[in-house]
């Protein structure tokens, strides 16, 4: 049938590039704001930290939907989302786990790597903490399970996050889904 298809790209200063923005969700959020209806908010993490995964309202993903893969029966609580790695200067698909902390402190940030979905050797993660950003490259191919991205000082409140990108510089490596924000 005849239809209109369009993509929206927004410049993101932290990435210094334009990224894909899902039009439908942006439209829904705009209408919620216009009508004064609050959207789904991110749950506040307790002082000891906690788990933020892809089933959380704190999780967002960007990029062409057809390249995201969901696997039931794998990962934490039996679900994971992944996308292929590829060679590019800019990411195509990427995901973000937003953090809303009840108290600041030093937290260990870990990701859960699932066997069979951990072929990539240079997965770029970006952690926003206390107003700064730190990039970490993780070789996911060395082992599965919980893998450390490091320990970081976070402030209480929001505007902090962990992002992962698919532009690893590799052709066809597999990503992973569940990420854990844990420890103090």
C-alpha atoms as a PDB file:
ATOM      1  CA  UNK A   1       0.000   0.000   0.000  1.00  0.00           C
ATOM      2  CA  UNK A   2       1.015   3.613  -0.330  1.00  0.00           C
ATOM      3  CA  UNK A   3       2.286   5.063   2.920  1.00  0.00           C
ATOM      4  CA  UNK A   4       4.578   7.710   4.279  1.00  0.00           C
ATOM      5  CA  UNK A   5       7.771   6.657   6.016  1.00  0.00           C
ATOM      6  CA  UNK A   6      10.090   9.113   7.718  1.00  0.00           C
ATOM      7  CA  UNK A   7      12.954   9.066  10.186  1.00  0.00           C
ATOM      8  CA  UNK A   8      13.764  11.752  12.709  1.00  0.00           C
ATOM      9  CA  UNK A   9      17.370  12.442  13.624  1.00  0.00           C
ATOM     10  CA  UNK A  10      18.387  14.683  16.501  1.00  0.00           C
ATOM     11  CA  UNK A  11      21.806  16.146  17.159  1.00  0.00           C
ATOM     12  CA  UNK A  12      23.142  14.895  20.519  1.00  0.00           C
ATOM     13  CA  UNK A  13      25.908  17.099  21.879  1.00  0.00           C
ATOM     14  CA  UNK A  14      27.437  14.336  24.031  1.00  0.00           C
ATOM     15  CA  UNK A  15      27.896  12.138  20.949  1.00  0.00           C
ATOM     16  CA  UNK A  16      28.668  15.098  18.656  1.00  0.00           C
ATOM     17  CA  UNK A  17      26.406  13.601  15.997  1.00  0.00           C
ATOM     18  CA  UNK A  18      22.811  13.131  14.904  1.00  0.00           C
ATOM     19  CA  UNK A  19      21.077   9.967  16.118  1.00  0.00           C
ATOM     20  CA  UNK A  20      17.835   8.287  15.176  1.00  0.00           C
ATOM     21  CA  UNK A  21      14.843   9.219  17.368  1.00  0.00           C
ATOM     22  CA  UNK A  22      11.825   6.880  17.372  1.00  0.00           C
ATOM     23  CA  UNK A  23       9.024   9.106  15.998  1.00  0.00           C
ATOM     24  CA  UNK A  24       6.132   7.280  17.642  1.00  0.00           C
ATOM     25  CA  UNK A  25       7.485   7.438  21.188  1.00  0.00           C
ATOM     26  CA  UNK A  26       8.477  11.068  20.713  1.00  0.00           C
ATOM     27  CA  UNK A  27       4.933  11.841  19.601  1.00  0.00           C
ATOM     28  CA  UNK A  28       3.440  10.005  22.596  1.00  0.00           C
ATOM     29  CA  UNK A  29       5.715  11.888  25.029  1.00  0.00           C
ATOM     30  CA  UNK A  30       4.828  15.203  23.386  1.00  0.00           C
ATOM     31  CA  UNK A  31       1.101  14.540  23.772  1.00  0.00           C
ATOM     32  CA  UNK A  32       1.601  13.474  27.391  1.00  0.00           C
ATOM     33  CA  UNK A  33       3.376  16.761  28.142  1.00  0.00           C
ATOM     34  CA  UNK A  34       0.751  18.767  26.244  1.00  0.00           C
ATOM     35  CA  UNK A  35      -2.094  17.140  28.195  1.00  0.00           C
ATOM     36  CA  UNK A  36      -0.233  17.389  31.502  1.00  0.00           C
ATOM     37  CA  UNK A  37      -0.082  13.618  31.889  1.00  0.00           C
ATOM     38  CA  UNK A  38       3.113  12.279  33.343  1.00  0.00           C
ATOM     39  CA  UNK A  39       4.832   9.566  31.364  1.00  0.00           C
ATOM     40  CA  UNK A  40       6.394   6.469  32.835  1.00  0.00           C
ATOM     41  CA  UNK A  41       9.121   7.673  35.116  1.00  0.00           C
ATOM     42  CA  UNK A  42      12.360   6.020  35.968  1.00  0.00           C
ATOM     43  CA  UNK A  43      12.388   4.297  39.343  1.00  0.00           C
ATOM     44  CA  UNK A  44      14.742   5.713  41.945  1.00  0.00           C
ATOM     45  CA  UNK A  45      17.566   3.383  42.920  1.00  0.00           C
ATOM     46  CA  UNK A  46      18.236   2.918  46.650  1.00  0.00           C
ATOM     47  CA  UNK A  47      21.542   4.029  48.258  1.00  0.00           C
ATOM     48  CA  UNK A  48      23.026   0.547  47.808  1.00  0.00           C
ATOM     49  CA  UNK A  49      22.373   0.565  44.020  1.00  0.00           C
ATOM     50  CA  UNK A  50      20.374  -2.007  42.106  1.00  0.00           C
ATOM     51  CA  UNK A  51      19.537  -3.569  38.768  1.00  0.00           C
ATOM     52  CA  UNK A  52      18.437  -1.529  35.735  1.00  0.00           C
ATOM     53  CA  UNK A  53      17.661  -3.752  32.764  1.00  0.00           C
ATOM     54  CA  UNK A  54      15.839  -3.656  29.435  1.00  0.00           C
ATOM     55  CA  UNK A  55      12.424  -4.245  31.052  1.00  0.00           C
ATOM     56  CA  UNK A  56      12.800  -1.097  33.184  1.00  0.00           C
ATOM     57  CA  UNK A  57      11.161   2.229  32.305  1.00  0.00           C
ATOM     58  CA  UNK A  58      14.723   3.603  32.705  1.00  0.00           C
ATOM     59  CA  UNK A  59      15.780   1.730  29.539  1.00  0.00           C
ATOM     60  CA  UNK A  60      15.674   3.396  26.119  1.00  0.00           C
ATOM     61  CA  UNK A  61      16.858   2.165  22.756  1.00  0.00           C
ATOM     62  CA  UNK A  62      17.415   4.002  19.498  1.00  0.00           C
ATOM     63  CA  UNK A  63      17.982   3.012  15.914  1.00  0.00           C
ATOM     64  CA  UNK A  64      16.168   1.048  13.232  1.00  0.00           C
ATOM     65  CA  UNK A  65      13.793  -1.401  14.913  1.00  0.00           C
ATOM     66  CA  UNK A  66      14.484  -4.154  12.384  1.00  0.00           C
ATOM     67  CA  UNK A  67      18.064  -4.499  13.678  1.00  0.00           C
ATOM     68  CA  UNK A  68      17.123  -5.095  17.316  1.00  0.00           C
ATOM     69  CA  UNK A  69      16.774  -8.768  18.279  1.00  0.00           C
ATOM     70  CA  UNK A  70      14.938 -10.067  21.336  1.00  0.00           C
ATOM     71  CA  UNK A  71      15.679 -13.494  22.784  1.00  0.00           C
ATOM     72  CA  UNK A  72      13.350 -15.107  25.324  1.00  0.00           C
ATOM     73  CA  UNK A  73      14.833 -17.648  27.725  1.00  0.00           C
ATOM     74  CA  UNK A  74      18.330 -16.091  27.803  1.00  0.00           C
ATOM     75  CA  UNK A  75      19.851 -13.401  30.007  1.00  0.00           C
ATOM     76  CA  UNK A  76      18.701 -12.135  33.391  1.00  0.00           C
ATOM     77  CA  UNK A  77      15.075 -13.041  34.098  1.00  0.00           C
ATOM     78  CA  UNK A  78      14.885 -14.846  30.744  1.00  0.00           C
ATOM     79  CA  UNK A  79      15.078 -11.923  28.318  1.00  0.00           C
ATOM     80  CA  UNK A  80      17.772 -10.108  26.377  1.00  0.00           C
ATOM     81  CA  UNK A  81      17.946  -7.623  23.528  1.00  0.00           C
ATOM     82  CA  UNK A  82      20.910  -7.425  21.165  1.00  0.00           C
ATOM     83  CA  UNK A  83      22.033  -5.912  17.872  1.00  0.00           C
ATOM     84  CA  UNK A  84      24.933  -6.658  15.555  1.00  0.00           C
ATOM     85  CA  UNK A  85      28.164  -4.722  15.762  1.00  0.00           C
ATOM     86  CA  UNK A  86      29.443  -3.003  12.644  1.00  0.00           C
ATOM     87  CA  UNK A  87      32.127  -0.755  11.212  1.00  0.00           C
ATOM     88  CA  UNK A  88      31.184   2.931  11.237  1.00  0.00           C
ATOM     89  CA  UNK A  89      32.189   6.246  12.743  1.00  0.00           C
ATOM     90  CA  UNK A  90      28.618   6.723  14.022  1.00  0.00           C
ATOM     91  CA  UNK A  91      26.352   4.284  15.868  1.00  0.00           C
ATOM     92  CA  UNK A  92      23.211   2.962  14.220  1.00  0.00           C
ATOM     93  CA  UNK A  93      21.597   1.218  17.182  1.00  0.00           C
ATOM     94  CA  UNK A  94      22.353   2.156  20.742  1.00  0.00           C
ATOM     95  CA  UNK A  95      20.738   1.804  24.145  1.00  0.00           C
ATOM     96  CA  UNK A  96      20.709   3.792  27.367  1.00  0.00           C
ATOM     97  CA  UNK A  97      19.972   2.934  30.978  1.00  0.00           C
ATOM     98  CA  UNK A  98      18.990   6.145  32.780  1.00  0.00           C
ATOM     99  CA  UNK A  99      19.868   6.384  36.459  1.00  0.00           C
ATOM    100  CA  UNK A 100      17.955   8.154  39.197  1.00  0.00           C
ATOM    101  CA  UNK A 101      19.850   7.684  42.457  1.00  0.00           C
ATOM    102  CA  UNK A 102      18.374   8.366  45.886  1.00  0.00           C
ATOM    103  CA  UNK A 103      21.888   9.202  47.173  1.00  0.00           C
ATOM    104  CA  UNK A 104      25.274   9.875  45.660  1.00  0.00           C
ATOM    105  CA  UNK A 105      28.345   7.743  46.187  1.00  0.00           C
ATOM    106  CA  UNK A 106      30.852   5.498  44.475  1.00  0.00           C
ATOM    107  CA  UNK A 107      29.213   2.692  42.506  1.00  0.00           C
ATOM    108  CA  UNK A 108      30.570  -0.287  40.596  1.00  0.00           C
ATOM    109  CA  UNK A 109      28.982  -0.475  37.129  1.00  0.00           C
ATOM    110  CA  UNK A 110      28.628  -3.948  35.623  1.00  0.00           C
ATOM    111  CA  UNK A 111      27.109  -5.426  32.477  1.00  0.00           C
ATOM    112  CA  UNK A 112      25.814  -8.949  32.046  1.00  0.00           C
ATOM    113  CA  UNK A 113      27.343 -10.611  29.005  1.00  0.00           C
ATOM    114  CA  UNK A 114      25.415 -13.632  27.717  1.00  0.00           C
ATOM    115  CA  UNK A 115      27.302 -16.598  26.224  1.00  0.00           C
ATOM    116  CA  UNK A 116      26.739 -16.798  22.478  1.00  0.00           C
ATOM    117  CA  UNK A 117      26.023 -13.058  22.233  1.00  0.00           C
ATOM    118  CA  UNK A 118      29.479 -11.911  23.314  1.00  0.00           C
ATOM    119  CA  UNK A 119      31.671 -11.973  20.206  1.00  0.00           C
ATOM    120  CA  UNK A 120      32.482  -8.247  20.065  1.00  0.00           C
ATOM    121  CA  UNK A 121      35.920  -7.218  21.264  1.00  0.00           C
ATOM    122  CA  UNK A 122      35.587  -3.413  21.387  1.00  0.00           C
ATOM    123  CA  UNK A 123      32.102  -2.524  22.609  1.00  0.00           C
ATOM    124  CA  UNK A 124      31.911   1.204  23.419  1.00  0.00           C
ATOM    125  CA  UNK A 125      30.092   2.111  26.633  1.00  0.00           C
ATOM    126  CA  UNK A 126      29.665   5.679  27.847  1.00  0.00           C
ATOM    127  CA  UNK A 127      28.925   6.393  31.511  1.00  0.00           C
ATOM    128  CA  UNK A 128      27.593   9.808  32.568  1.00  0.00           C
ATOM    129  CA  UNK A 129      28.319  10.427  36.248  1.00  0.00           C
ATOM    130  CA  UNK A 130      28.562  13.617  38.315  1.00  0.00           C
ATOM    131  CA  UNK A 131      28.268  15.813  35.220  1.00  0.00           C
ATOM    132  CA  UNK A 132      31.113  14.131  33.314  1.00  0.00           C
ATOM    133  CA  UNK A 133      31.260  11.316  30.785  1.00  0.00           C
ATOM    134  CA  UNK A 134      33.667   8.409  30.669  1.00  0.00           C
ATOM    135  CA  UNK A 135      34.037   6.042  27.728  1.00  0.00           C
ATOM    136  CA  UNK A 136      34.981   2.414  28.345  1.00  0.00           C
ATOM    137  CA  UNK A 137      35.754  -0.177  25.665  1.00  0.00           C
ATOM    138  CA  UNK A 138      34.846  -3.701  26.779  1.00  0.00           C
ATOM    139  CA  UNK A 139      36.094  -6.910  25.211  1.00  0.00           C
ATOM    140  CA  UNK A 140      32.937  -8.967  25.664  1.00  0.00           C
ATOM    141  CA  UNK A 141      34.443 -12.014  23.955  1.00  0.00           C
ATOM    142  CA  UNK A 142      36.692 -13.032  26.861  1.00  0.00           C
ATOM    143  CA  UNK A 143      33.946 -14.336  29.162  1.00  0.00           C
ATOM    144  CA  UNK A 144      30.241 -14.336  29.954  1.00  0.00           C
ATOM    145  CA  UNK A 145      28.488 -13.217  33.143  1.00  0.00           C
ATOM    146  CA  UNK A 146      28.795  -9.961  35.062  1.00  0.00           C
ATOM    147  CA  UNK A 147      31.630  -7.814  33.698  1.00  0.00           C
ATOM    148  CA  UNK A 148      32.899  -4.624  35.315  1.00  0.00           C
ATOM    149  CA  UNK A 149      33.033  -1.295  33.492  1.00  0.00           C
ATOM    150  CA  UNK A 150      34.680   0.238  36.550  1.00  0.00           C
ATOM    151  CA  UNK A 151      33.740   2.208  39.663  1.00  0.00           C
ATOM    152  CA  UNK A 152      32.443   5.753  39.339  1.00  0.00           C
ATOM    153  CA  UNK A 153      31.326   8.585  41.605  1.00  0.00           C
ATOM    154  CA  UNK A 154      27.658   9.440  41.027  1.00  0.00           C
ATOM    155  CA  UNK A 155      25.572  12.249  42.508  1.00  0.00           C
ATOM    156  CA  UNK A 156      22.074  11.816  43.863  1.00  0.00           C
ATOM    157  CA  UNK A 157      19.274  12.400  41.355  1.00  0.00           C
ATOM    158  CA  UNK A 158      18.985  11.948  37.610  1.00  0.00           C
ATOM    159  CA  UNK A 159      20.781  13.087  34.450  1.00  0.00           C
ATOM    160  CA  UNK A 160      23.160  10.142  34.754  1.00  0.00           C
ATOM    161  CA  UNK A 161      23.231   7.087  32.546  1.00  0.00           C
ATOM    162  CA  UNK A 162      25.036   4.160  30.954  1.00  0.00           C
ATOM    163  CA  UNK A 163      24.932   3.826  27.153  1.00  0.00           C
ATOM    164  CA  UNK A 164      26.171   1.139  24.766  1.00  0.00           C
ATOM    165  CA  UNK A 165      26.773   1.578  21.025  1.00  0.00           C
ATOM    166  CA  UNK A 166      26.929  -0.819  18.087  1.00  0.00           C
ATOM    167  CA  UNK A 167      29.754   0.850  16.118  1.00  0.00           C
ATOM    168  CA  UNK A 168      32.538  -1.352  17.451  1.00  0.00           C
ATOM    169  CA  UNK A 169      34.662  -1.280  14.312  1.00  0.00           C
ATOM    170  CA  UNK A 170      33.966  -4.978  13.838  1.00  0.00           C
ATOM    171  CA  UNK A 171      31.849  -6.657  11.210  1.00  0.00           C
ATOM    172  CA  UNK A 172      28.933  -8.685  12.546  1.00  0.00           C
ATOM    173  CA  UNK A 173      29.811  -9.177  16.221  1.00  0.00           C
ATOM    174  CA  UNK A 174      26.863  -9.779  18.549  1.00  0.00           C
ATOM    175  CA  UNK A 175      25.776  -7.405  21.297  1.00  0.00           C
ATOM    176  CA  UNK A 176      24.118  -8.051  24.609  1.00  0.00           C
ATOM    177  CA  UNK A 177      21.232  -6.776  26.577  1.00  0.00           C
ATOM    178  CA  UNK A 178      21.029  -6.944  30.325  1.00  0.00           C
ATOM    179  CA  UNK A 179      23.081  -4.393  32.179  1.00  0.00           C
ATOM    180  CA  UNK A 180      23.400  -4.159  35.917  1.00  0.00           C
ATOM    181  CA  UNK A 181      23.959  -1.049  37.959  1.00  0.00           C
ATOM    182  CA  UNK A 182      25.153  -2.412  41.267  1.00  0.00           C
ATOM    183  CA  UNK A 183      27.268  -1.974  44.348  1.00  0.00           C
ATOM    184  CA  UNK A 184      28.354   0.946  46.424  1.00  0.00           C
END
